[in-house]
């Protein structure tokens, strides 16, 4: 699934939740503070600001689904096994170990 297909899928699902809850786009505008135009764009699969998307999730009581989308890494069992280590702050490129090493028959 590419980015545009994902946006369309999210928009369709937001619209399903809104319609099933009996909430009009205008009502959702008042509940979330996000314009009807942005709500319509989201439901059509177009890009909107992340802040607006999050406001819509809160207005539809879907904010708990954020944990399903991006789980908290500190709640994984492997986190507790590594508890003595500091959490990673950044990613570093891997260095070639012993890249200058040569076998005896190599020149």
PDB file of N, CA and C in Angstrom:
ATOM      1  N   UNK A   1       0.862  -1.172   0.000  1.00  0.00           N
ATOM      2  CA  UNK A   1       0.000   0.000   0.000  1.00  0.00           C
ATOM      3  C   UNK A   1       0.908   1.234   0.000  1.00  0.00           C
ATOM      4  N   UNK A   2       0.658   2.147  -0.913  1.00  0.00           N
ATOM      5  CA  UNK A   2       1.464   3.373  -0.948  1.00  0.00           C
ATOM      6  C   UNK A   2       0.802   4.470  -0.106  1.00  0.00           C
ATOM      7  N   UNK A   3       1.450   5.622  -0.043  1.00  0.00           N
ATOM      8  CA  UNK A   3       0.964   6.715   0.797  1.00  0.00           C
ATOM      9  C   UNK A   3      -0.422   7.207   0.426  1.00  0.00           C
ATOM     10  N   UNK A   4      -0.678   7.346  -0.869  1.00  0.00           N
ATOM     11  CA  UNK A   4      -1.990   7.842  -1.306  1.00  0.00           C
ATOM     12  C   UNK A   4      -3.098   6.849  -0.988  1.00  0.00           C
ATOM     13  N   UNK A   5      -2.811   5.564  -1.161  1.00  0.00           N
ATOM     14  CA  UNK A   5      -3.805   4.542  -0.832  1.00  0.00           C
ATOM     15  C   UNK A   5      -4.086   4.531   0.674  1.00  0.00           C
ATOM     16  N   UNK A   6      -3.062   4.732   1.444  1.00  0.00           N
ATOM     17  CA  UNK A   6      -3.215   4.779   2.902  1.00  0.00           C
ATOM     18  C   UNK A   6      -4.057   5.986   3.318  1.00  0.00           C
ATOM     19  N   UNK A   7      -3.787   7.147   2.721  1.00  0.00           N
ATOM     20  CA  UNK A   7      -4.579   8.353   3.016  1.00  0.00           C
ATOM     21  C   UNK A   7      -6.050   8.122   2.680  1.00  0.00           C
ATOM     22  N   UNK A   8      -6.313   7.481   1.540  1.00  0.00           N
ATOM     23  CA  UNK A   8      -7.693   7.215   1.118  1.00  0.00           C
ATOM     24  C   UNK A   8      -8.374   6.269   2.111  1.00  0.00           C
ATOM     25  N   UNK A   9      -7.652   5.234   2.531  1.00  0.00           N
ATOM     26  CA  UNK A   9      -8.195   4.275   3.491  1.00  0.00           C
ATOM     27  C   UNK A   9      -8.525   4.954   4.821  1.00  0.00           C
ATOM     28  N   UNK A  10      -7.616   5.782   5.307  1.00  0.00           N
ATOM     29  CA  UNK A  10      -7.856   6.509   6.562  1.00  0.00           C
ATOM     30  C   UNK A  10      -9.059   7.432   6.409  1.00  0.00           C
ATOM     31  N   UNK A  11      -9.128   8.155   5.299  1.00  0.00           N
ATOM     32  CA  UNK A  11     -10.259   9.050   5.051  1.00  0.00           C
ATOM     33  C   UNK A  11     -11.585   8.312   5.029  1.00  0.00           C
ATOM     34  N   UNK A  12     -11.602   7.156   4.362  1.00  0.00           N
ATOM     35  CA  UNK A  12     -12.827   6.346   4.303  1.00  0.00           C
ATOM     36  C   UNK A  12     -13.251   5.891   5.695  1.00  0.00           C
ATOM     37  N   UNK A  13     -12.282   5.482   6.491  1.00  0.00           N
ATOM     38  CA  UNK A  13     -12.607   4.990   7.839  1.00  0.00           C
ATOM     39  C   UNK A  13     -13.075   6.111   8.760  1.00  0.00           C
ATOM     40  N   UNK A  14     -12.463   7.278   8.653  1.00  0.00           N
ATOM     41  CA  UNK A  14     -12.910   8.428   9.453  1.00  0.00           C
ATOM     42  C   UNK A  14     -14.349   8.770   9.083  1.00  0.00           C
ATOM     43  N   UNK A  15     -14.638   8.765   7.792  1.00  0.00           N
ATOM     44  CA  UNK A  15     -16.000   9.074   7.337  1.00  0.00           C
ATOM     45  C   UNK A  15     -16.985   8.036   7.877  1.00  0.00           C
ATOM     46  N   UNK A  16     -16.608   6.747   7.850  1.00  0.00           N
ATOM     47  CA  UNK A  16     -17.480   5.696   8.379  1.00  0.00           C
ATOM     48  C   UNK A  16     -17.786   5.932   9.855  1.00  0.00           C
ATOM     49  N   UNK A  17     -16.770   6.232  10.636  1.00  0.00           N
ATOM     50  CA  UNK A  17     -16.981   6.505  12.060  1.00  0.00           C
ATOM     51  C   UNK A  17     -17.900   7.705  12.253  1.00  0.00           C
ATOM     52  N   UNK A  18     -17.653   8.767  11.500  1.00  0.00           N
ATOM     53  CA  UNK A  18     -18.450   9.987  11.637  1.00  0.00           C
ATOM     54  C   UNK A  18     -19.907   9.717  11.292  1.00  0.00           C
ATOM     55  N   UNK A  19     -20.144   9.075  10.149  1.00  0.00           N
ATOM     56  CA  UNK A  19     -21.515   8.815   9.691  1.00  0.00           C
ATOM     57  C   UNK A  19     -22.222   7.851  10.645  1.00  0.00           C
ATOM     58  N   UNK A  20     -21.537   6.783  11.063  1.00  0.00           N
ATOM     59  CA  UNK A  20     -22.152   5.823  11.993  1.00  0.00           C
ATOM     60  C   UNK A  20     -22.485   6.453  13.340  1.00  0.00           C
ATOM     61  N   UNK A  21     -21.741   7.481  13.722  1.00  0.00           N
ATOM     62  CA  UNK A  21     -22.022   8.187  14.977  1.00  0.00           C
ATOM     63  C   UNK A  21     -23.117   9.238  14.797  1.00  0.00           C
ATOM     64  N   UNK A  22     -23.581   9.425  13.557  1.00  0.00           N
ATOM     65  CA  UNK A  22     -24.637  10.407  13.294  1.00  0.00           C
ATOM     66  C   UNK A  22     -24.150  11.838  13.402  1.00  0.00           C
ATOM     67  N   UNK A  23     -22.887  12.067  13.069  1.00  0.00           N
ATOM     68  CA  UNK A  23     -22.288  13.396  13.175  1.00  0.00           C
ATOM     69  C   UNK A  23     -22.084  13.961  11.776  1.00  0.00           C
ATOM     70  N   UNK A  24     -22.606  15.158  11.542  1.00  0.00           N
ATOM     71  CA  UNK A  24     -22.390  15.808  10.247  1.00  0.00           C
ATOM     72  C   UNK A  24     -20.995  16.427  10.220  1.00  0.00           C
ATOM     73  N   UNK A  25     -20.537  16.766   9.026  1.00  0.00           N
ATOM     74  CA  UNK A  25     -19.243  17.444   8.919  1.00  0.00           C
ATOM     75  C   UNK A  25     -19.271  18.770   9.669  1.00  0.00           C
ATOM     76  N   UNK A  26     -20.392  19.460   9.617  1.00  0.00           N
ATOM     77  CA  UNK A  26     -20.530  20.737  10.325  1.00  0.00           C
ATOM     78  C   UNK A  26     -20.430  20.527  11.840  1.00  0.00           C
ATOM     79  N   UNK A  27     -21.095  19.471  12.337  1.00  0.00           N
ATOM     80  CA  UNK A  27     -21.011  19.162  13.771  1.00  0.00           C
ATOM     81  C   UNK A  27     -19.578  18.812  14.171  1.00  0.00           C
ATOM     82  N   UNK A  28     -18.907  18.045  13.310  1.00  0.00           N
ATOM     83  CA  UNK A  28     -17.524  17.670  13.589  1.00  0.00           C
ATOM     84  C   UNK A  28     -16.618  18.897  13.590  1.00  0.00           C
ATOM     85  N   UNK A  29     -16.936  19.862  12.737  1.00  0.00           N
ATOM     86  CA  UNK A  29     -16.185  21.125  12.724  1.00  0.00           C
ATOM     87  C   UNK A  29     -16.281  21.807  14.090  1.00  0.00           C
ATOM     88  N   UNK A  30     -17.491  21.863  14.634  1.00  0.00           N
ATOM     89  CA  UNK A  30     -17.704  22.509  15.927  1.00  0.00           C
ATOM     90  C   UNK A  30     -17.049  21.723  17.068  1.00  0.00           C
ATOM     91  N   UNK A  31     -17.073  20.405  16.962  1.00  0.00           N
ATOM     92  CA  UNK A  31     -16.502  19.559  18.012  1.00  0.00           C
ATOM     93  C   UNK A  31     -14.971  19.587  18.018  1.00  0.00           C
ATOM     94  N   UNK A  32     -14.384  19.684  16.824  1.00  0.00           N
ATOM     95  CA  UNK A  32     -12.930  19.547  16.700  1.00  0.00           C
ATOM     96  C   UNK A  32     -12.188  20.863  16.498  1.00  0.00           C
ATOM     97  N   UNK A  33     -12.905  21.871  15.996  1.00  0.00           N
ATOM     98  CA  UNK A  33     -12.230  23.119  15.655  1.00  0.00           C
ATOM     99  C   UNK A  33     -11.521  23.059  14.314  1.00  0.00           C
ATOM    100  N   UNK A  34     -11.793  22.016  13.538  1.00  0.00           N
ATOM    101  CA  UNK A  34     -11.201  21.836  12.208  1.00  0.00           C
ATOM    102  C   UNK A  34     -12.259  22.200  11.176  1.00  0.00           C
ATOM    103  N   UNK A  35     -11.867  22.939  10.159  1.00  0.00           N
ATOM    104  CA  UNK A  35     -12.825  23.417   9.164  1.00  0.00           C
ATOM    105  C   UNK A  35     -13.474  22.265   8.394  1.00  0.00           C
ATOM    106  N   UNK A  36     -14.701  22.514   7.924  1.00  0.00           N
ATOM    107  CA  UNK A  36     -15.412  21.534   7.103  1.00  0.00           C
ATOM    108  C   UNK A  36     -14.580  21.186   5.873  1.00  0.00           C
ATOM    109  N   UNK A  37     -13.902  22.170   5.319  1.00  0.00           N
ATOM    110  CA  UNK A  37     -13.050  21.941   4.139  1.00  0.00           C
ATOM    111  C   UNK A  37     -11.957  20.916   4.446  1.00  0.00           C
ATOM    112  N   UNK A  38     -11.303  21.039   5.582  1.00  0.00           N
ATOM    113  CA  UNK A  38     -10.256  20.077   5.962  1.00  0.00           C
ATOM    114  C   UNK A  38     -10.844  18.699   6.242  1.00  0.00           C
ATOM    115  N   UNK A  39     -11.996  18.657   6.877  1.00  0.00           N
ATOM    116  CA  UNK A  39     -12.664  17.381   7.150  1.00  0.00           C
ATOM    117  C   UNK A  39     -13.010  16.698   5.833  1.00  0.00           C
ATOM    118  N   UNK A  40     -13.555  17.457   4.911  1.00  0.00           N
ATOM    119  CA  UNK A  40     -13.896  16.923   3.594  1.00  0.00           C
ATOM    120  C   UNK A  40     -12.655  16.415   2.868  1.00  0.00           C
ATOM    121  N   UNK A  41     -11.574  17.185   2.933  1.00  0.00           N
ATOM    122  CA  UNK A  41     -10.316  16.771   2.286  1.00  0.00           C
ATOM    123  C   UNK A  41      -9.812  15.454   2.884  1.00  0.00           C
ATOM    124  N   UNK A  42      -9.861  15.343   4.205  1.00  0.00           N
ATOM    125  CA  UNK A  42      -9.428  14.114   4.863  1.00  0.00           C
ATOM    126  C   UNK A  42     -10.264  12.929   4.390  1.00  0.00           C
ATOM    127  N   UNK A  43     -11.575  13.108   4.371  1.00  0.00           N
ATOM    128  CA  UNK A  43     -12.472  12.019   3.986  1.00  0.00           C
ATOM    129  C   UNK A  43     -12.315  11.630   2.522  1.00  0.00           C
ATOM    130  N   UNK A  44     -11.805  12.530   1.709  1.00  0.00           N
ATOM    131  CA  UNK A  44     -11.564  12.237   0.289  1.00  0.00           C
ATOM    132  C   UNK A  44     -10.176  11.645   0.057  1.00  0.00           C
ATOM    133  N   UNK A  45      -9.381  11.548   1.111  1.00  0.00           N
ATOM    134  CA  UNK A  45      -8.052  10.973   0.988  1.00  0.00           C
ATOM    135  C   UNK A  45      -6.969  11.973   0.674  1.00  0.00           C
ATOM    136  N   UNK A  46      -7.268  13.259   0.813  1.00  0.00           N
ATOM    137  CA  UNK A  46      -6.271  14.305   0.564  1.00  0.00           C
ATOM    138  C   UNK A  46      -5.502  14.595   1.854  1.00  0.00           C
ATOM    139  N   UNK A  47      -4.397  15.282   1.713  1.00  0.00           N
ATOM    140  CA  UNK A  47      -3.556  15.618   2.868  1.00  0.00           C
ATOM    141  C   UNK A  47      -4.160  16.757   3.684  1.00  0.00           C
ATOM    142  N   UNK A  48      -4.040  16.629   5.002  1.00  0.00           N
ATOM    143  CA  UNK A  48      -4.366  17.731   5.905  1.00  0.00           C
ATOM    144  C   UNK A  48      -3.246  17.789   6.941  1.00  0.00           C
ATOM    145  N   UNK A  49      -3.247  18.825   7.752  1.00  0.00           N
ATOM    146  CA  UNK A  49      -2.215  18.954   8.781  1.00  0.00           C
ATOM    147  C   UNK A  49      -2.401  17.884   9.855  1.00  0.00           C
ATOM    148  N   UNK A  50      -1.281  17.401  10.373  1.00  0.00           N
ATOM    149  CA  UNK A  50      -1.315  16.371  11.410  1.00  0.00           C
ATOM    150  C   UNK A  50      -2.101  16.839  12.632  1.00  0.00           C
ATOM    151  N   UNK A  51      -1.932  18.088  13.015  1.00  0.00           N
ATOM    152  CA  UNK A  51      -2.658  18.630  14.167  1.00  0.00           C
ATOM    153  C   UNK A  51      -4.170  18.548  13.945  1.00  0.00           C
ATOM    154  N   UNK A  52      -4.619  18.853  12.739  1.00  0.00           N
ATOM    155  CA  UNK A  52      -6.051  18.776  12.423  1.00  0.00           C
ATOM    156  C   UNK A  52      -6.538  17.338  12.489  1.00  0.00           C
ATOM    157  N   UNK A  53      -5.741  16.420  11.969  1.00  0.00           N
ATOM    158  CA  UNK A  53      -6.090  15.003  12.007  1.00  0.00           C
ATOM    159  C   UNK A  53      -6.255  14.530  13.452  1.00  0.00           C
ATOM    160  N   UNK A  54      -5.343  14.926  14.314  1.00  0.00           N
ATOM    161  CA  UNK A  54      -5.406  14.525  15.721  1.00  0.00           C
ATOM    162  C   UNK A  54      -6.629  15.132  16.402  1.00  0.00           C
ATOM    163  N   UNK A  55      -6.955  16.379  16.093  1.00  0.00           N
ATOM    164  CA  UNK A  55      -8.159  17.005  16.667  1.00  0.00           C
ATOM    165  C   UNK A  55      -9.410  16.237  16.260  1.00  0.00           C
ATOM    166  N   UNK A  56      -9.451  15.777  15.014  1.00  0.00           N
ATOM    167  CA  UNK A  56     -10.597  14.996  14.529  1.00  0.00           C
ATOM    168  C   UNK A  56     -10.675  13.667  15.271  1.00  0.00           C
ATOM    169  N   UNK A  57      -9.531  13.009  15.462  1.00  0.00           N
ATOM    170  CA  UNK A  57      -9.522  11.751  16.216  1.00  0.00           C
ATOM    171  C   UNK A  57     -10.088  11.953  17.617  1.00  0.00           C
ATOM    172  N   UNK A  58      -9.677  13.017  18.296  1.00  0.00           N
ATOM    173  CA  UNK A  58     -10.186  13.296  19.645  1.00  0.00           C
ATOM    174  C   UNK A  58     -11.687  13.583  19.620  1.00  0.00           C
ATOM    175  N   UNK A  59     -12.146  14.335  18.638  1.00  0.00           N
ATOM    176  CA  UNK A  59     -13.568  14.669  18.557  1.00  0.00           C
ATOM    177  C   UNK A  59     -14.420  13.419  18.334  1.00  0.00           C
ATOM    178  N   UNK A  60     -13.871  12.433  17.623  1.00  0.00           N
ATOM    179  CA  UNK A  60     -14.598  11.186  17.356  1.00  0.00           C
ATOM    180  C   UNK A  60     -14.299  10.108  18.405  1.00  0.00           C
ATOM    181  N   UNK A  61     -13.587  10.477  19.466  1.00  0.00           N
ATOM    182  CA  UNK A  61     -13.188   9.540  20.530  1.00  0.00           C
ATOM    183  C   UNK A  61     -12.364   8.371  19.987  1.00  0.00           C
ATOM    184  N   UNK A  62     -11.502   8.657  19.025  1.00  0.00           N
ATOM    185  CA  UNK A  62     -10.641   7.636  18.432  1.00  0.00           C
ATOM    186  C   UNK A  62      -9.181   7.795  18.840  1.00  0.00           C
ATOM    187  N   UNK A  63      -8.918   8.655  19.800  1.00  0.00           N
ATOM    188  CA  UNK A  63      -7.526   8.937  20.165  1.00  0.00           C
ATOM    189  C   UNK A  63      -6.783   7.708  20.697  1.00  0.00           C
ATOM    190  N   UNK A  64      -7.498   6.752  21.277  1.00  0.00           N
ATOM    191  CA  UNK A  64      -6.836   5.545  21.781  1.00  0.00           C
ATOM    192  C   UNK A  64      -6.278   4.690  20.648  1.00  0.00           C
ATOM    193  N   UNK A  65      -6.793   4.890  19.442  1.00  0.00           N
ATOM    194  CA  UNK A  65      -6.303   4.123  18.299  1.00  0.00           C
ATOM    195  C   UNK A  65      -4.903   4.544  17.882  1.00  0.00           C
ATOM    196  N   UNK A  66      -4.424   5.663  18.368  1.00  0.00           N
ATOM    197  CA  UNK A  66      -3.051   6.082  18.074  1.00  0.00           C
ATOM    198  C   UNK A  66      -2.079   5.044  18.623  1.00  0.00           C
ATOM    199  N   UNK A  67      -2.391   4.464  19.785  1.00  0.00           N
ATOM    200  CA  UNK A  67      -1.532   3.424  20.359  1.00  0.00           C
ATOM    201  C   UNK A  67      -1.513   2.167  19.498  1.00  0.00           C
ATOM    202  N   UNK A  68      -2.590   1.904  18.786  1.00  0.00           N
ATOM    203  CA  UNK A  68      -2.604   0.755  17.880  1.00  0.00           C
ATOM    204  C   UNK A  68      -1.749   1.024  16.647  1.00  0.00           C
ATOM    205  N   UNK A  69      -1.766   2.257  16.198  1.00  0.00           N
ATOM    206  CA  UNK A  69      -1.000   2.639  15.014  1.00  0.00           C
ATOM    207  C   UNK A  69       0.494   2.668  15.308  1.00  0.00           C
ATOM    208  N   UNK A  70       0.862   3.283  16.431  1.00  0.00           N
ATOM    209  CA  UNK A  70       2.268   3.402  16.822  1.00  0.00           C
ATOM    210  C   UNK A  70       2.364   3.006  18.296  1.00  0.00           C
ATOM    211  N   UNK A  71       2.570   1.711  18.564  1.00  0.00           N
ATOM    212  CA  UNK A  71       2.605   1.249  19.953  1.00  0.00           C
ATOM    213  C   UNK A  71       3.751   1.873  20.747  1.00  0.00           C
ATOM    214  N   UNK A  72       3.519   2.047  22.031  1.00  0.00           N
ATOM    215  CA  UNK A  72       4.530   2.566  22.948  1.00  0.00           C
ATOM    216  C   UNK A  72       5.595   1.493  23.153  1.00  0.00           C
ATOM    217  N   UNK A  73       6.812   1.793  22.783  1.00  0.00           N
ATOM    218  CA  UNK A  73       7.905   0.821  22.872  1.00  0.00           C
ATOM    219  C   UNK A  73       8.231   0.427  24.303  1.00  0.00           C
ATOM    220  N   UNK A  74       7.884   1.267  25.261  1.00  0.00           N
ATOM    221  CA  UNK A  74       8.182   0.941  26.660  1.00  0.00           C
ATOM    222  C   UNK A  74       7.220  -0.096  27.225  1.00  0.00           C
ATOM    223  N   UNK A  75       6.183  -0.453  26.483  1.00  0.00           N
ATOM    224  CA  UNK A  75       5.220  -1.442  26.959  1.00  0.00           C
ATOM    225  C   UNK A  75       5.464  -2.821  26.344  1.00  0.00           C
ATOM    226  N   UNK A  76       6.574  -2.969  25.633  1.00  0.00           N
ATOM    227  CA  UNK A  76       6.919  -4.256  25.032  1.00  0.00           C
ATOM    228  C   UNK A  76       7.698  -5.088  26.047  1.00  0.00           C
ATOM    229  N   UNK A  77       7.493  -6.403  26.063  1.00  0.00           N
ATOM    230  CA  UNK A  77       8.251  -7.246  26.998  1.00  0.00           C
ATOM    231  C   UNK A  77       9.764  -7.095  26.840  1.00  0.00           C
ATOM    232  N   UNK A  78      10.228  -6.927  25.617  1.00  0.00           N
ATOM    233  CA  UNK A  78      11.671  -6.792  25.403  1.00  0.00           C
ATOM    234  C   UNK A  78      12.216  -5.525  26.063  1.00  0.00           C
ATOM    235  N   UNK A  79      11.372  -4.533  26.251  1.00  0.00           N
ATOM    236  CA  UNK A  79      11.812  -3.310  26.920  1.00  0.00           C
ATOM    237  C   UNK A  79      12.249  -3.612  28.351  1.00  0.00           C
ATOM    238  N   UNK A  80      11.496  -4.460  29.036  1.00  0.00           N
ATOM    239  CA  UNK A  80      11.807  -4.765  30.427  1.00  0.00           C
ATOM    240  C   UNK A  80      13.061  -5.630  30.555  1.00  0.00           C
ATOM    241  N   UNK A  81      13.350  -6.410  29.528  1.00  0.00           N
ATOM    242  CA  UNK A  81      14.578  -7.202  29.541  1.00  0.00           C
ATOM    243  C   UNK A  81      15.802  -6.309  29.426  1.00  0.00           C
ATOM    244  N   UNK A  82      15.655  -5.198  28.724  1.00  0.00           N
ATOM    245  CA  UNK A  82      16.758  -4.268  28.499  1.00  0.00           C
ATOM    246  C   UNK A  82      16.647  -3.035  29.391  1.00  0.00           C
ATOM    247  N   UNK A  83      15.928  -3.139  30.472  1.00  0.00           N
ATOM    248  CA  UNK A  83      15.630  -1.974  31.296  1.00  0.00           C
ATOM    249  C   UNK A  83      16.885  -1.267  31.806  1.00  0.00           C
ATOM    250  N   UNK A  84      17.975  -2.006  31.984  1.00  0.00           N
ATOM    251  CA  UNK A  84      19.188  -1.378  32.496  1.00  0.00           C
ATOM    252  C   UNK A  84      19.848  -0.484  31.449  1.00  0.00           C
ATOM    253  N   UNK A  85      19.524  -0.700  30.162  1.00  0.00           N
ATOM    254  CA  UNK A  85      20.093   0.140  29.111  1.00  0.00           C
ATOM    255  C   UNK A  85      19.311   1.442  28.993  1.00  0.00           C
ATOM    256  N   UNK A  86      19.996   2.466  28.543  1.00  0.00           N
ATOM    257  CA  UNK A  86      19.312   3.728  28.271  1.00  0.00           C
ATOM    258  C   UNK A  86      18.519   3.586  26.977  1.00  0.00           C
ATOM    259  N   UNK A  87      17.353   4.226  26.869  1.00  0.00           N
ATOM    260  CA  UNK A  87      16.610   4.176  25.608  1.00  0.00           C
ATOM    261  C   UNK A  87      17.404   4.864  24.499  1.00  0.00           C
ATOM    262  N   UNK A  88      17.279   4.346  23.291  1.00  0.00           N
ATOM    263  CA  UNK A  88      18.003   4.913  22.159  1.00  0.00           C
ATOM    264  C   UNK A  88      17.498   6.313  21.860  1.00  0.00           C
ATOM    265  N   UNK A  89      18.420   7.197  21.544  1.00  0.00           N
ATOM    266  CA  UNK A  89      18.096   8.580  21.222  1.00  0.00           C
ATOM    267  C   UNK A  89      18.218   8.852  19.729  1.00  0.00           C
ATOM    268  N   UNK A  90      19.098   8.106  19.061  1.00  0.00           N
ATOM    269  CA  UNK A  90      19.318   8.344  17.632  1.00  0.00           C
ATOM    270  C   UNK A  90      19.845   7.075  16.991  1.00  0.00           C
ATOM    271  N   UNK A  91      19.861   7.077  15.665  1.00  0.00           N
ATOM    272  CA  UNK A  91      20.370   5.957  14.888  1.00  0.00           C
ATOM    273  C   UNK A  91      21.728   6.344  14.328  1.00  0.00           C
ATOM    274  N   UNK A  92      22.673   5.469  14.449  1.00  0.00           N
ATOM    275  CA  UNK A  92      24.003   5.703  13.895  1.00  0.00           C
ATOM    276  C   UNK A  92      24.247   4.721  12.769  1.00  0.00           C
ATOM    277  N   UNK A  93      25.028   5.160  11.788  1.00  0.00           N
ATOM    278  CA  UNK A  93      25.407   4.267  10.706  1.00  0.00           C
ATOM    279  C   UNK A  93      26.367   3.228  11.251  1.00  0.00           C
ATOM    280  N   UNK A  94      26.231   2.018  10.746  1.00  0.00           N
ATOM    281  CA  UNK A  94      27.124   0.952  11.182  1.00  0.00           C
ATOM    282  C   UNK A  94      28.458   1.096  10.468  1.00  0.00           C
ATOM    283  N   UNK A  95      29.509   0.902  11.219  1.00  0.00           N
ATOM    284  CA  UNK A  95      30.847   0.972  10.648  1.00  0.00           C
ATOM    285  C   UNK A  95      31.283  -0.426  10.249  1.00  0.00           C
ATOM    286  N   UNK A  96      32.069  -0.519   9.179  1.00  0.00           N
ATOM    287  CA  UNK A  96      32.618  -1.806   8.772  1.00  0.00           C
ATOM    288  C   UNK A  96      33.692  -2.210   9.769  1.00  0.00           C
ATOM    289  N   UNK A  97      33.471  -3.295  10.461  1.00  0.00           N
ATOM    290  CA  UNK A  97      34.433  -3.770  11.453  1.00  0.00           C
ATOM    291  C   UNK A  97      35.638  -4.369  10.739  1.00  0.00           C
ATOM    292  N   UNK A  98      36.818  -3.930  11.140  1.00  0.00           N
ATOM    293  CA  UNK A  98      38.066  -4.462  10.592  1.00  0.00           C
ATOM    294  C   UNK A  98      38.115  -4.397   9.068  1.00  0.00           C
ATOM    295  N   UNK A  99      37.698  -3.317   8.500  1.00  0.00           N
ATOM    296  CA  UNK A  99      37.685  -3.194   7.043  1.00  0.00           C
ATOM    297  C   UNK A  99      39.085  -3.188   6.453  1.00  0.00           C
ATOM    298  N   UNK A 100      40.094  -2.882   7.264  1.00  0.00           N
ATOM    299  CA  UNK A 100      41.462  -2.860   6.752  1.00  0.00           C
ATOM    300  C   UNK A 100      42.145  -4.220   6.885  1.00  0.00           C
ATOM    301  N   UNK A 101      41.506  -5.180   7.489  1.00  0.00           N
ATOM    302  CA  UNK A 101      42.084  -6.506   7.668  1.00  0.00           C
ATOM    303  C   UNK A 101      42.159  -7.233   6.339  1.00  0.00           C
ATOM    304  N   UNK A 102      43.275  -7.910   6.091  1.00  0.00           N
ATOM    305  CA  UNK A 102      43.445  -8.717   4.882  1.00  0.00           C
ATOM    306  C   UNK A 102      44.013 -10.069   5.278  1.00  0.00           C
ATOM    307  N   UNK A 103      43.569 -11.089   4.575  1.00  0.00           N
ATOM    308  CA  UNK A 103      44.104 -12.429   4.779  1.00  0.00           C
ATOM    309  C   UNK A 103      45.533 -12.472   4.264  1.00  0.00           C
ATOM    310  N   UNK A 104      46.287 -13.444   4.698  1.00  0.00           N
ATOM    311  CA  UNK A 104      47.692 -13.574   4.326  1.00  0.00           C
ATOM    312  C   UNK A 104      47.924 -13.710   2.830  1.00  0.00           C
ATOM    313  N   UNK A 105      46.976 -14.312   2.104  1.00  0.00           N
ATOM    314  CA  UNK A 105      47.168 -14.494   0.664  1.00  0.00           C
ATOM    315  C   UNK A 105      46.619 -13.327  -0.156  1.00  0.00           C
ATOM    316  N   UNK A 106      46.093 -12.311   0.496  1.00  0.00           N
ATOM    317  CA  UNK A 106      45.578 -11.130  -0.204  1.00  0.00           C
ATOM    318  C   UNK A 106      46.662 -10.066  -0.283  1.00  0.00           C
ATOM    319  N   UNK A 107      46.636  -9.321  -1.352  1.00  0.00           N
ATOM    320  CA  UNK A 107      47.606  -8.226  -1.490  1.00  0.00           C
ATOM    321  C   UNK A 107      46.939  -6.895  -1.450  1.00  0.00           C
TER     322      UNK A 107
END
